[in-house]
N, C-alpha and C. Protein backbone atom coordinates (compact mmCIF):
# COMPACT_ATOMS: atom_id res chain seq x y z
N MET A 1 109.22 102.82 70.41
CA MET A 1 109.21 101.52 71.08
C MET A 1 108.30 101.60 72.30
N HIS A 2 107.58 100.52 72.54
CA HIS A 2 106.68 100.43 73.68
C HIS A 2 107.21 99.41 74.69
N ALA A 3 106.65 99.47 75.90
CA ALA A 3 107.01 98.51 76.95
C ALA A 3 105.76 98.12 77.72
N ILE A 4 105.74 96.88 78.17
CA ILE A 4 104.71 96.39 79.08
C ILE A 4 105.37 96.18 80.43
N VAL A 5 104.86 96.85 81.44
CA VAL A 5 105.43 96.79 82.79
C VAL A 5 104.48 95.97 83.67
N ILE A 6 104.96 94.84 84.15
CA ILE A 6 104.12 93.94 84.96
C ILE A 6 104.22 94.35 86.42
N ALA A 7 103.11 94.89 86.94
CA ALA A 7 103.08 95.42 88.31
C ALA A 7 101.91 94.85 89.09
N ALA A 8 101.55 93.60 88.80
CA ALA A 8 100.33 93.04 89.37
C ALA A 8 100.55 92.08 90.53
N GLY A 9 101.79 91.70 90.79
CA GLY A 9 102.05 90.65 91.78
C GLY A 9 101.75 91.07 93.21
N GLU A 10 101.58 90.07 94.07
CA GLU A 10 101.23 90.32 95.46
C GLU A 10 102.45 90.50 96.37
N GLY A 11 103.64 90.05 95.94
CA GLY A 11 104.82 90.19 96.79
C GLY A 11 104.67 89.46 98.11
N THR A 12 104.30 88.18 98.05
CA THR A 12 103.96 87.45 99.27
C THR A 12 105.14 87.32 100.24
N ARG A 13 106.37 87.23 99.72
CA ARG A 13 107.52 87.09 100.61
C ARG A 13 107.87 88.39 101.32
N LEU A 14 107.27 89.50 100.87
CA LEU A 14 107.49 90.79 101.51
C LEU A 14 106.44 91.12 102.57
N ARG A 15 105.51 90.23 102.80
CA ARG A 15 104.54 90.49 103.84
C ARG A 15 105.22 90.65 105.20
N PRO A 16 104.76 91.53 106.08
CA PRO A 16 103.49 92.25 106.02
C PRO A 16 103.53 93.57 105.26
N LEU A 17 104.70 93.97 104.73
CA LEU A 17 104.78 95.25 104.03
C LEU A 17 103.77 95.34 102.89
N THR A 18 103.66 94.24 102.12
CA THR A 18 102.80 94.28 100.94
C THR A 18 101.32 94.08 101.26
N GLU A 19 101.01 93.94 102.53
CA GLU A 19 99.60 94.00 102.90
C GLU A 19 99.08 95.43 102.84
N ARG A 20 100.01 96.39 102.91
CA ARG A 20 99.64 97.81 102.89
C ARG A 20 100.10 98.51 101.62
N TRP A 21 101.26 98.11 101.09
CA TRP A 21 101.81 98.76 99.91
C TRP A 21 102.12 97.72 98.84
N PRO A 22 101.82 97.99 97.57
CA PRO A 22 102.24 97.07 96.51
C PRO A 22 103.75 97.16 96.32
N LYS A 23 104.35 96.06 95.96
CA LYS A 23 105.81 95.99 95.85
C LYS A 23 106.42 97.07 94.95
N PRO A 24 105.82 97.41 93.79
CA PRO A 24 106.47 98.40 92.91
C PRO A 24 106.58 99.81 93.49
N VAL A 25 105.80 100.15 94.51
CA VAL A 25 105.89 101.50 95.07
C VAL A 25 106.87 101.57 96.24
N LEU A 26 107.35 100.43 96.72
CA LEU A 26 108.35 100.44 97.77
C LEU A 26 109.68 100.95 97.22
N PRO A 27 110.51 101.59 98.06
CA PRO A 27 111.71 102.26 97.53
C PRO A 27 112.96 101.40 97.54
N ILE A 28 113.82 101.70 96.58
CA ILE A 28 115.24 101.33 96.58
C ILE A 28 116.00 102.63 96.34
N ASP A 29 116.99 102.90 97.19
CA ASP A 29 117.71 104.18 97.15
C ASP A 29 116.75 105.35 97.33
N GLY A 30 115.70 105.15 98.13
CA GLY A 30 114.80 106.23 98.46
C GLY A 30 113.79 106.60 97.40
N ARG A 31 113.73 105.84 96.32
CA ARG A 31 112.81 106.15 95.22
C ARG A 31 111.98 104.92 94.91
N PRO A 32 110.66 105.08 94.67
CA PRO A 32 109.85 103.91 94.31
C PRO A 32 110.45 103.16 93.13
N VAL A 33 110.49 101.85 93.24
CA VAL A 33 111.14 101.03 92.21
C VAL A 33 110.54 101.29 90.84
N VAL A 34 109.22 101.37 90.74
CA VAL A 34 108.59 101.56 89.43
C VAL A 34 108.93 102.93 88.85
N ALA A 35 109.17 103.93 89.70
CA ALA A 35 109.56 105.24 89.20
C ALA A 35 110.95 105.18 88.56
N THR A 36 111.87 104.50 89.22
CA THR A 36 113.21 104.32 88.64
C THR A 36 113.13 103.57 87.33
N LEU A 37 112.31 102.54 87.28
CA LEU A 37 112.17 101.74 86.06
C LEU A 37 111.63 102.58 84.90
N LEU A 38 110.61 103.37 85.14
CA LEU A 38 110.03 104.17 84.06
C LEU A 38 111.04 105.16 83.50
N ARG A 39 111.86 105.74 84.35
CA ARG A 39 112.90 106.65 83.86
C ARG A 39 113.92 105.91 83.01
N GLU A 40 114.27 104.70 83.42
CA GLU A 40 115.22 103.90 82.64
C GLU A 40 114.62 103.52 81.28
N LEU A 41 113.33 103.22 81.25
CA LEU A 41 112.67 102.90 79.98
C LEU A 41 112.69 104.10 79.05
N ALA A 42 112.42 105.28 79.59
CA ALA A 42 112.47 106.49 78.76
C ALA A 42 113.87 106.72 78.23
N ALA A 43 114.88 106.52 79.08
CA ALA A 43 116.27 106.70 78.64
C ALA A 43 116.67 105.70 77.57
N ALA A 44 116.03 104.53 77.56
CA ALA A 44 116.33 103.50 76.56
C ALA A 44 115.59 103.72 75.25
N GLY A 45 114.76 104.76 75.18
CA GLY A 45 114.06 105.07 73.93
C GLY A 45 112.60 104.69 73.89
N CYS A 46 112.06 104.23 75.01
CA CYS A 46 110.63 103.90 75.03
C CYS A 46 109.79 105.18 74.99
N GLU A 47 108.70 105.11 74.27
CA GLU A 47 107.78 106.23 74.19
C GLU A 47 106.50 105.97 74.97
N ARG A 48 106.09 104.72 75.04
CA ARG A 48 104.86 104.35 75.74
C ARG A 48 105.12 103.15 76.63
N ALA A 49 104.53 103.19 77.83
CA ALA A 49 104.57 102.04 78.73
C ALA A 49 103.16 101.73 79.19
N VAL A 50 102.76 100.49 79.04
CA VAL A 50 101.48 100.03 79.57
C VAL A 50 101.78 99.29 80.87
N VAL A 51 101.28 99.81 81.97
CA VAL A 51 101.53 99.23 83.29
C VAL A 51 100.35 98.35 83.67
N VAL A 52 100.62 97.07 83.87
CA VAL A 52 99.58 96.11 84.23
C VAL A 52 99.56 95.98 85.75
N THR A 53 98.48 96.44 86.36
CA THR A 53 98.38 96.46 87.81
C THR A 53 97.45 95.36 88.31
N GLY A 54 97.47 95.14 89.61
CA GLY A 54 96.62 94.12 90.20
C GLY A 54 96.47 94.37 91.68
N HIS A 55 97.38 93.82 92.48
CA HIS A 55 97.35 93.97 93.93
C HIS A 55 97.51 95.44 94.31
N LEU A 56 96.56 95.99 95.07
CA LEU A 56 96.58 97.39 95.49
C LEU A 56 96.84 98.32 94.30
N ALA A 57 96.09 98.07 93.24
CA ALA A 57 96.32 98.72 91.95
C ALA A 57 96.30 100.24 92.02
N GLU A 58 95.42 100.81 92.83
CA GLU A 58 95.26 102.26 92.85
C GLU A 58 96.55 102.97 93.23
N GLN A 59 97.34 102.38 94.14
CA GLN A 59 98.58 103.03 94.55
C GLN A 59 99.57 103.12 93.40
N VAL A 60 99.68 102.05 92.62
CA VAL A 60 100.58 102.06 91.47
C VAL A 60 100.07 103.05 90.43
N GLU A 61 98.79 103.02 90.16
CA GLU A 61 98.21 103.89 89.14
C GLU A 61 98.35 105.36 89.52
N ASP A 62 98.17 105.68 90.80
CA ASP A 62 98.33 107.06 91.24
C ASP A 62 99.78 107.52 91.10
N LEU A 63 100.72 106.62 91.36
CA LEU A 63 102.13 106.99 91.28
C LEU A 63 102.57 107.25 89.84
N VAL A 64 102.19 106.37 88.92
CA VAL A 64 102.68 106.51 87.54
C VAL A 64 101.92 107.57 86.78
N GLY A 65 100.66 107.82 87.13
CA GLY A 65 99.86 108.83 86.44
C GLY A 65 99.81 108.60 84.95
N ASP A 66 99.94 109.70 84.20
CA ASP A 66 99.93 109.60 82.73
C ASP A 66 101.32 109.45 82.16
N GLY A 67 102.32 109.37 83.05
CA GLY A 67 103.70 109.18 82.61
C GLY A 67 104.46 110.43 82.28
N SER A 68 103.79 111.58 82.28
CA SER A 68 104.47 112.81 81.87
C SER A 68 105.65 113.14 82.78
N GLY A 69 105.56 112.75 84.05
CA GLY A 69 106.66 113.00 84.96
C GLY A 69 107.88 112.13 84.71
N PHE A 70 107.72 111.13 83.86
CA PHE A 70 108.82 110.21 83.56
C PHE A 70 109.26 110.30 82.10
N GLY A 71 108.64 111.19 81.33
CA GLY A 71 108.97 111.31 79.91
C GLY A 71 108.37 110.22 79.06
N LEU A 72 107.24 109.67 79.49
CA LEU A 72 106.59 108.57 78.78
C LEU A 72 105.09 108.82 78.67
N ASP A 73 104.48 108.17 77.70
CA ASP A 73 103.03 108.04 77.66
C ASP A 73 102.70 106.75 78.41
N VAL A 74 102.11 106.88 79.59
CA VAL A 74 101.79 105.71 80.41
C VAL A 74 100.30 105.44 80.38
N ARG A 75 99.97 104.19 80.13
CA ARG A 75 98.59 103.71 80.22
C ARG A 75 98.57 102.58 81.24
N THR A 76 97.44 102.37 81.85
CA THR A 76 97.33 101.29 82.83
C THR A 76 96.15 100.38 82.50
N THR A 77 96.30 99.13 82.89
CA THR A 77 95.22 98.15 82.77
C THR A 77 95.36 97.19 83.93
N ARG A 78 94.28 96.54 84.31
CA ARG A 78 94.32 95.69 85.50
C ARG A 78 94.20 94.21 85.15
N GLN A 79 94.92 93.41 85.94
CA GLN A 79 94.83 91.95 85.85
C GLN A 79 94.04 91.46 87.06
N PRO A 80 92.88 90.85 86.85
CA PRO A 80 92.00 90.48 87.97
C PRO A 80 92.35 89.14 88.59
N GLY A 81 93.44 89.10 89.33
CA GLY A 81 93.82 87.85 89.96
C GLY A 81 95.21 87.41 89.54
N VAL A 82 95.67 86.31 90.12
CA VAL A 82 97.01 85.78 89.85
C VAL A 82 96.92 84.90 88.61
N LEU A 83 97.06 85.52 87.44
CA LEU A 83 96.88 84.81 86.17
C LEU A 83 98.18 84.62 85.41
N GLY A 84 99.30 85.14 85.92
CA GLY A 84 100.59 84.88 85.31
C GLY A 84 101.08 85.97 84.38
N SER A 85 102.39 85.88 84.07
CA SER A 85 103.04 86.92 83.28
C SER A 85 102.58 86.95 81.83
N ALA A 86 102.29 85.79 81.24
CA ALA A 86 101.83 85.78 79.84
C ALA A 86 100.46 86.45 79.73
N ASP A 87 99.60 86.21 80.71
CA ASP A 87 98.29 86.87 80.73
C ASP A 87 98.47 88.38 80.88
N ALA A 88 99.41 88.80 81.73
CA ALA A 88 99.66 90.23 81.90
C ALA A 88 100.13 90.86 80.59
N VAL A 89 100.98 90.16 79.86
CA VAL A 89 101.46 90.69 78.58
C VAL A 89 100.31 90.80 77.59
N ARG A 90 99.47 89.80 77.53
CA ARG A 90 98.31 89.86 76.63
C ARG A 90 97.44 91.07 76.97
N ARG A 91 97.22 91.33 78.24
CA ARG A 91 96.43 92.49 78.65
C ARG A 91 97.14 93.80 78.28
N GLY A 92 98.46 93.81 78.38
CA GLY A 92 99.20 94.99 77.98
C GLY A 92 99.08 95.28 76.50
N LEU A 93 99.13 94.24 75.69
CA LEU A 93 98.94 94.41 74.25
C LEU A 93 97.54 94.92 73.95
N ASP A 94 96.56 94.35 74.61
CA ASP A 94 95.17 94.78 74.39
C ASP A 94 94.96 96.23 74.80
N ALA A 95 95.78 96.72 75.74
CA ALA A 95 95.63 98.09 76.23
C ALA A 95 96.45 99.11 75.46
N GLY A 96 97.14 98.66 74.41
CA GLY A 96 97.80 99.64 73.55
C GLY A 96 99.28 99.48 73.33
N ALA A 97 99.93 98.50 73.95
CA ALA A 97 101.34 98.26 73.64
C ALA A 97 101.44 97.55 72.29
N GLU A 98 102.37 98.00 71.47
CA GLU A 98 102.51 97.43 70.13
C GLU A 98 103.85 96.72 69.99
N PRO A 99 103.84 95.47 69.56
CA PRO A 99 105.10 94.76 69.33
C PRO A 99 105.77 95.25 68.05
N PRO A 100 107.11 95.14 67.99
CA PRO A 100 107.99 94.60 69.03
C PRO A 100 108.06 95.55 70.23
N CYS A 101 108.07 94.96 71.41
CA CYS A 101 108.07 95.77 72.62
C CYS A 101 108.87 95.07 73.71
N LEU A 102 109.19 95.83 74.73
CA LEU A 102 109.83 95.27 75.91
C LEU A 102 108.77 94.78 76.88
N VAL A 103 109.15 93.79 77.68
CA VAL A 103 108.33 93.35 78.81
C VAL A 103 109.26 93.34 80.02
N VAL A 104 108.81 93.95 81.11
CA VAL A 104 109.70 94.09 82.26
C VAL A 104 108.89 94.06 83.55
N ALA A 105 109.49 93.49 84.59
CA ALA A 105 108.84 93.47 85.91
C ALA A 105 109.01 94.81 86.59
N ALA A 106 107.95 95.26 87.26
CA ALA A 106 107.96 96.58 87.89
C ALA A 106 108.67 96.61 89.23
N ASP A 107 109.19 95.46 89.69
CA ASP A 107 109.78 95.41 91.02
C ASP A 107 111.30 95.27 91.00
N THR A 108 111.92 95.58 89.86
CA THR A 108 113.36 95.37 89.69
C THR A 108 114.04 96.65 89.26
N VAL A 109 115.18 96.94 89.88
CA VAL A 109 116.04 98.05 89.46
C VAL A 109 117.22 97.46 88.70
N PHE A 110 117.42 97.92 87.48
CA PHE A 110 118.50 97.43 86.63
C PHE A 110 119.70 98.36 86.69
N THR A 111 120.87 97.83 86.37
CA THR A 111 122.05 98.66 86.24
C THR A 111 121.78 99.74 85.20
N PRO A 112 122.06 101.02 85.50
CA PRO A 112 121.78 102.08 84.54
C PRO A 112 122.38 101.79 83.17
N GLY A 113 121.58 101.93 82.14
CA GLY A 113 122.02 101.68 80.77
C GLY A 113 121.80 100.27 80.28
N ASP A 114 121.54 99.33 81.19
CA ASP A 114 121.38 97.93 80.77
C ASP A 114 120.15 97.72 79.90
N ILE A 115 119.07 98.43 80.16
CA ILE A 115 117.87 98.24 79.34
C ILE A 115 118.15 98.69 77.91
N GLY A 116 118.84 99.81 77.75
CA GLY A 116 119.21 100.27 76.41
C GLY A 116 120.12 99.30 75.70
N ARG A 117 121.09 98.74 76.41
CA ARG A 117 121.99 97.76 75.80
C ARG A 117 121.23 96.48 75.42
N PHE A 118 120.26 96.12 76.25
CA PHE A 118 119.43 94.95 75.93
C PHE A 118 118.65 95.18 74.65
N VAL A 119 118.08 96.36 74.49
CA VAL A 119 117.33 96.69 73.27
C VAL A 119 118.21 96.55 72.04
N GLU A 120 119.42 97.06 72.11
CA GLU A 120 120.34 96.96 70.97
C GLU A 120 120.67 95.50 70.67
N ALA A 121 120.95 94.71 71.69
CA ALA A 121 121.32 93.32 71.48
C ALA A 121 120.17 92.49 70.94
N ALA A 122 118.94 92.87 71.26
CA ALA A 122 117.77 92.11 70.83
C ALA A 122 117.31 92.46 69.43
N SER A 123 117.87 93.49 68.86
CA SER A 123 117.43 93.97 67.55
C SER A 123 117.56 92.87 66.49
N GLY A 124 116.49 92.65 65.74
CA GLY A 124 116.51 91.69 64.64
C GLY A 124 116.07 90.29 65.02
N ALA A 125 115.96 90.00 66.32
CA ALA A 125 115.54 88.66 66.76
C ALA A 125 114.02 88.62 66.92
N ALA A 126 113.47 87.41 66.91
CA ALA A 126 112.03 87.26 67.13
C ALA A 126 111.64 87.67 68.54
N GLY A 127 112.59 87.60 69.44
CA GLY A 127 112.39 87.99 70.82
C GLY A 127 113.71 87.89 71.55
N ALA A 128 113.71 88.22 72.82
CA ALA A 128 114.95 88.14 73.59
C ALA A 128 114.62 87.91 75.06
N MET A 129 115.53 87.23 75.73
CA MET A 129 115.46 87.01 77.17
C MET A 129 116.77 87.47 77.78
N SER A 130 116.72 87.87 79.04
CA SER A 130 117.92 88.37 79.71
C SER A 130 118.32 87.45 80.85
N GLY A 131 119.62 87.43 81.12
CA GLY A 131 120.16 86.64 82.22
C GLY A 131 121.11 87.47 83.05
N ARG A 132 121.27 87.08 84.31
CA ARG A 132 122.11 87.82 85.25
C ARG A 132 122.89 86.84 86.12
N ARG A 133 124.03 87.28 86.60
CA ARG A 133 124.86 86.42 87.45
C ARG A 133 124.83 86.89 88.91
N ASP A 134 123.74 87.52 89.30
CA ASP A 134 123.54 87.86 90.71
C ASP A 134 123.52 86.57 91.53
N PRO A 135 123.75 86.67 92.84
CA PRO A 135 123.54 85.45 93.65
C PRO A 135 122.13 84.92 93.43
N PRO A 136 122.00 83.69 92.96
CA PRO A 136 120.68 83.19 92.58
C PRO A 136 119.81 82.88 93.78
N ALA A 137 118.51 82.99 93.58
CA ALA A 137 117.57 82.58 94.61
C ALA A 137 117.61 81.06 94.74
N GLU A 138 117.16 80.58 95.86
CA GLU A 138 117.09 79.13 96.06
C GLU A 138 115.85 78.57 95.37
N PRO A 139 115.92 77.30 94.93
CA PRO A 139 114.73 76.66 94.36
C PRO A 139 113.58 76.73 95.38
N PRO A 140 112.31 76.86 94.95
CA PRO A 140 111.87 76.78 93.56
C PRO A 140 111.85 78.11 92.83
N HIS A 141 112.44 79.16 93.46
CA HIS A 141 112.34 80.49 92.86
C HIS A 141 113.41 80.73 91.80
N ARG A 142 114.42 79.87 91.74
CA ARG A 142 115.51 80.07 90.80
C ARG A 142 115.26 79.32 89.50
N ALA A 143 115.48 79.99 88.38
CA ALA A 143 115.49 79.34 87.07
C ALA A 143 116.64 79.93 86.28
N ALA A 144 117.43 79.08 85.67
CA ALA A 144 118.59 79.54 84.91
C ALA A 144 118.24 79.62 83.43
N LEU A 145 119.08 80.33 82.71
CA LEU A 145 118.90 80.55 81.28
C LEU A 145 120.12 79.97 80.57
N LYS A 146 119.90 79.10 79.58
CA LYS A 146 121.01 78.52 78.84
C LYS A 146 121.11 79.19 77.48
N ILE A 147 122.27 79.81 77.23
CA ILE A 147 122.50 80.55 75.99
C ILE A 147 123.67 79.91 75.25
N VAL A 148 123.49 79.67 73.96
CA VAL A 148 124.54 79.13 73.10
C VAL A 148 124.64 80.01 71.86
N ASN A 149 125.84 80.54 71.62
CA ASN A 149 126.07 81.40 70.45
C ASN A 149 125.07 82.55 70.35
N GLY A 150 124.76 83.13 71.50
CA GLY A 150 123.90 84.30 71.52
C GLY A 150 122.41 84.02 71.46
N LEU A 151 122.02 82.73 71.40
CA LEU A 151 120.61 82.38 71.34
C LEU A 151 120.21 81.53 72.54
N VAL A 152 118.99 81.72 73.00
CA VAL A 152 118.48 80.92 74.12
C VAL A 152 118.11 79.54 73.61
N VAL A 153 118.67 78.51 74.23
CA VAL A 153 118.32 77.13 73.87
C VAL A 153 117.50 76.46 74.98
N GLU A 154 117.62 76.97 76.21
CA GLU A 154 116.82 76.47 77.34
C GLU A 154 116.33 77.67 78.14
N PRO A 155 115.06 78.06 77.98
CA PRO A 155 114.58 79.22 78.73
C PRO A 155 114.38 78.96 80.21
N VAL A 156 114.23 77.70 80.59
CA VAL A 156 114.12 77.33 82.00
C VAL A 156 115.04 76.14 82.23
N ASP A 157 116.31 76.43 82.53
CA ASP A 157 117.33 75.40 82.72
C ASP A 157 117.49 75.14 84.22
N ARG A 158 117.19 73.93 84.66
CA ARG A 158 117.26 73.59 86.08
C ARG A 158 118.63 73.06 86.50
N ASP A 159 119.62 73.14 85.64
CA ASP A 159 120.96 72.66 85.96
C ASP A 159 121.55 73.53 87.08
N PRO A 160 121.83 72.97 88.25
CA PRO A 160 122.36 73.78 89.36
C PRO A 160 123.74 74.36 89.07
N ALA A 161 124.45 73.81 88.09
CA ALA A 161 125.77 74.34 87.74
C ALA A 161 125.69 75.59 86.88
N ASN A 162 124.53 75.85 86.31
CA ASN A 162 124.35 77.03 85.47
C ASN A 162 124.10 78.23 86.37
N ARG A 163 125.01 79.19 86.37
CA ARG A 163 124.92 80.34 87.27
C ARG A 163 124.29 81.57 86.61
N LEU A 164 123.82 81.41 85.37
CA LEU A 164 123.17 82.53 84.68
C LEU A 164 121.67 82.46 84.95
N GLY A 165 121.21 83.20 85.93
CA GLY A 165 119.80 83.18 86.29
C GLY A 165 118.97 84.04 85.36
N SER A 166 117.72 83.66 85.17
CA SER A 166 116.81 84.45 84.35
C SER A 166 116.54 85.79 85.02
N ALA A 167 116.45 86.84 84.22
CA ALA A 167 116.13 88.18 84.71
C ALA A 167 114.78 88.61 84.13
N PRO A 168 114.05 89.47 84.82
CA PRO A 168 112.70 89.84 84.38
C PRO A 168 112.68 90.96 83.34
N LEU A 169 113.37 90.72 82.23
CA LEU A 169 113.41 91.67 81.12
C LEU A 169 113.41 90.86 79.83
N TRP A 170 112.41 91.11 78.98
CA TRP A 170 112.23 90.36 77.75
C TRP A 170 111.95 91.32 76.59
N ALA A 171 112.18 90.85 75.38
CA ALA A 171 111.73 91.56 74.18
C ALA A 171 110.76 90.63 73.45
N LEU A 172 109.63 91.18 73.05
CA LEU A 172 108.57 90.40 72.42
C LEU A 172 108.33 90.91 71.01
N GLY A 173 108.71 90.09 70.01
CA GLY A 173 108.45 90.43 68.62
C GLY A 173 107.08 89.96 68.18
N ARG A 174 106.66 90.41 67.00
CA ARG A 174 105.33 90.04 66.51
C ARG A 174 105.18 88.53 66.35
N GLU A 175 106.26 87.86 65.95
CA GLU A 175 106.18 86.41 65.74
C GLU A 175 105.89 85.64 67.03
N LEU A 176 106.21 86.25 68.16
CA LEU A 176 106.03 85.57 69.44
C LEU A 176 104.63 85.76 70.03
N VAL A 177 103.91 86.75 69.56
CA VAL A 177 102.61 87.07 70.16
C VAL A 177 101.65 85.88 70.16
N PRO A 178 101.53 85.11 69.07
CA PRO A 178 100.60 83.97 69.10
C PRO A 178 100.90 82.94 70.18
N TYR A 179 102.14 82.89 70.64
CA TYR A 179 102.52 81.90 71.65
C TYR A 179 102.02 82.28 73.05
N LEU A 180 101.45 83.47 73.20
CA LEU A 180 100.86 83.85 74.47
C LEU A 180 99.55 83.11 74.73
N ASP A 181 98.97 82.58 73.67
CA ASP A 181 97.67 81.92 73.77
C ASP A 181 97.84 80.40 73.82
N GLY A 182 96.89 79.72 74.42
CA GLY A 182 96.90 78.26 74.46
C GLY A 182 97.86 77.65 75.45
N LEU A 183 98.33 78.43 76.42
CA LEU A 183 99.26 77.92 77.43
C LEU A 183 98.51 77.17 78.53
N SER A 184 99.24 76.28 79.20
CA SER A 184 98.67 75.60 80.37
C SER A 184 98.59 76.58 81.53
N GLY A 185 97.51 76.50 82.27
CA GLY A 185 97.35 77.39 83.42
C GLY A 185 95.90 77.49 83.83
N PRO A 186 95.56 78.45 84.64
CA PRO A 186 96.45 79.49 85.17
C PRO A 186 97.33 78.97 86.30
N PRO A 187 98.45 79.70 86.58
CA PRO A 187 98.88 80.91 85.88
C PRO A 187 99.50 80.60 84.52
N TYR A 188 99.43 81.57 83.62
CA TYR A 188 99.99 81.46 82.28
C TYR A 188 101.30 82.23 82.25
N GLU A 189 102.40 81.52 82.00
CA GLU A 189 103.70 82.13 82.19
C GLU A 189 104.42 82.43 80.88
N LEU A 190 105.11 83.56 80.88
CA LEU A 190 105.83 84.01 79.69
C LEU A 190 106.95 83.05 79.31
N ALA A 191 107.60 82.44 80.31
CA ALA A 191 108.67 81.48 80.02
C ALA A 191 108.15 80.32 79.18
N ASP A 192 106.92 79.89 79.42
CA ASP A 192 106.35 78.80 78.64
C ASP A 192 106.11 79.23 77.20
N ALA A 193 105.65 80.46 77.01
CA ALA A 193 105.44 80.97 75.65
C ALA A 193 106.76 81.00 74.89
N PHE A 194 107.82 81.47 75.54
CA PHE A 194 109.13 81.50 74.89
C PHE A 194 109.63 80.08 74.62
N ALA A 195 109.39 79.16 75.54
CA ALA A 195 109.83 77.77 75.33
C ALA A 195 109.18 77.16 74.10
N HIS A 196 107.88 77.40 73.92
CA HIS A 196 107.19 76.86 72.75
C HIS A 196 107.72 77.50 71.47
N ALA A 197 107.99 78.79 71.51
CA ALA A 197 108.51 79.48 70.33
C ALA A 197 109.89 78.95 69.95
N ILE A 198 110.74 78.74 70.95
CA ILE A 198 112.08 78.21 70.69
C ILE A 198 111.99 76.80 70.13
N ALA A 199 111.09 75.99 70.67
CA ALA A 199 110.90 74.62 70.18
C ALA A 199 110.45 74.61 68.72
N ASP A 200 109.75 75.66 68.31
CA ASP A 200 109.30 75.77 66.92
C ASP A 200 110.34 76.40 66.01
N GLY A 201 111.50 76.73 66.56
CA GLY A 201 112.59 77.22 65.74
C GLY A 201 112.75 78.72 65.67
N LEU A 202 111.99 79.48 66.44
CA LEU A 202 112.18 80.93 66.44
C LEU A 202 113.49 81.30 67.12
N ALA A 203 114.15 82.31 66.58
CA ALA A 203 115.42 82.77 67.13
C ALA A 203 115.16 83.76 68.26
N VAL A 204 115.48 83.34 69.47
CA VAL A 204 115.32 84.19 70.65
C VAL A 204 116.71 84.51 71.18
N ALA A 205 117.06 85.78 71.16
CA ALA A 205 118.38 86.20 71.61
C ALA A 205 118.49 86.06 73.12
N GLY A 206 119.67 85.69 73.57
CA GLY A 206 119.97 85.64 75.00
C GLY A 206 120.98 86.71 75.33
N VAL A 207 120.65 87.58 76.27
CA VAL A 207 121.47 88.75 76.57
C VAL A 207 121.82 88.75 78.05
N GLU A 208 123.11 88.71 78.36
CA GLU A 208 123.52 88.81 79.75
C GLU A 208 123.59 90.27 80.16
N ILE A 209 122.93 90.59 81.26
CA ILE A 209 122.93 91.95 81.77
C ILE A 209 123.70 92.00 83.09
N GLY A 210 123.84 93.20 83.64
CA GLY A 210 124.58 93.36 84.89
C GLY A 210 123.72 93.14 86.12
N ARG A 211 124.13 93.75 87.18
CA ARG A 211 123.47 93.55 88.47
C ARG A 211 122.03 94.06 88.45
N THR A 212 121.15 93.34 89.11
CA THR A 212 119.79 93.79 89.34
C THR A 212 119.53 93.83 90.84
N ARG A 213 118.57 94.66 91.23
CA ARG A 213 118.23 94.78 92.65
C ARG A 213 116.71 94.74 92.80
N ASP A 214 116.26 94.05 93.82
CA ASP A 214 114.84 94.08 94.14
C ASP A 214 114.66 93.82 95.63
N LEU A 215 113.43 93.89 96.04
CA LEU A 215 113.09 93.64 97.44
C LEU A 215 112.40 92.29 97.52
N THR A 216 113.02 91.36 98.23
CA THR A 216 112.46 90.01 98.34
C THR A 216 111.86 89.78 99.72
N TYR A 217 112.58 90.22 100.76
CA TYR A 217 112.14 90.03 102.13
C TYR A 217 112.07 91.38 102.84
N PRO A 218 111.28 91.50 103.92
CA PRO A 218 111.13 92.80 104.58
C PRO A 218 112.45 93.47 104.96
N GLU A 219 113.44 92.68 105.40
CA GLU A 219 114.71 93.28 105.80
C GLU A 219 115.44 93.94 104.63
N ASP A 220 115.11 93.53 103.40
CA ASP A 220 115.74 94.14 102.23
C ASP A 220 115.39 95.61 102.09
N LEU A 221 114.25 96.02 102.63
CA LEU A 221 113.86 97.43 102.55
C LEU A 221 114.89 98.31 103.25
N VAL A 222 115.43 97.84 104.36
CA VAL A 222 116.48 98.59 105.05
C VAL A 222 117.79 98.49 104.29
N LYS A 223 118.17 97.29 103.89
CA LYS A 223 119.46 97.10 103.22
C LYS A 223 119.57 97.91 101.93
N GLU A 224 118.48 98.01 101.18
CA GLU A 224 118.53 98.68 99.88
C GLU A 224 118.33 100.20 99.98
N ASN A 225 118.06 100.68 101.18
CA ASN A 225 117.87 102.12 101.35
C ASN A 225 118.86 102.74 102.33
N VAL A 226 119.53 101.91 103.13
CA VAL A 226 120.61 102.36 104.00
C VAL A 226 121.79 101.43 103.74
N PRO A 227 122.51 101.64 102.62
CA PRO A 227 123.47 100.64 102.12
C PRO A 227 124.53 100.22 103.13
N TYR A 228 124.99 101.13 103.99
CA TYR A 228 126.08 100.75 104.87
C TYR A 228 125.69 99.67 105.88
N LEU A 229 124.39 99.47 106.10
CA LEU A 229 123.95 98.42 107.01
C LEU A 229 124.15 97.03 106.43
N ASP A 230 124.39 96.96 105.11
CA ASP A 230 124.59 95.67 104.45
C ASP A 230 126.06 95.33 104.31
N ALA A 231 126.93 96.15 104.91
CA ALA A 231 128.38 95.94 104.77
C ALA A 231 128.82 94.72 105.58
């Protein structure tokens, strides 16, 4: 199994930290977020990860190397500008990721084992999206996921009563690949590709996962590395 790791974002809400460091190399629990993610991907059965870099790309590329330190074959490719998640996935496929594959954001730490459970739950579907019940971000950053009988029926549900927020973990089957093209943009977003596929009748599994952690604002760097300060 392969994975595409999206590590190209600028992390604008983390400025000024991200003026010097890209978000994926910043630590949670004292370890760079992308390093924790790559180990979790290996534990879930991934053999290859294509890391799509952009902002301060060299720092991410130097950290991940060839992946041998994480038990993976890691390749890297660059996204030249803010072109969106669907564009990043297309670049990952062009750089050697083979569907069916995982797609995951490089700035998120998942509950240990959740990626493996997601892979199992997504088996047999054209694709899969994940949802989480963490305290949701405020609009416009929040988007909810509507799941009925294990399938996604609304990939971007704006209902404020829906507490299942979208999480940055997807499964992309071969049937979904054509939907990466012809999107409105830039930016070209993966949620739009999934929405078109669902509208055409493709079965996209919806999987609820556990807690996720990331760095949104500069003060989070302290909270996520010195936990007792967040008590």
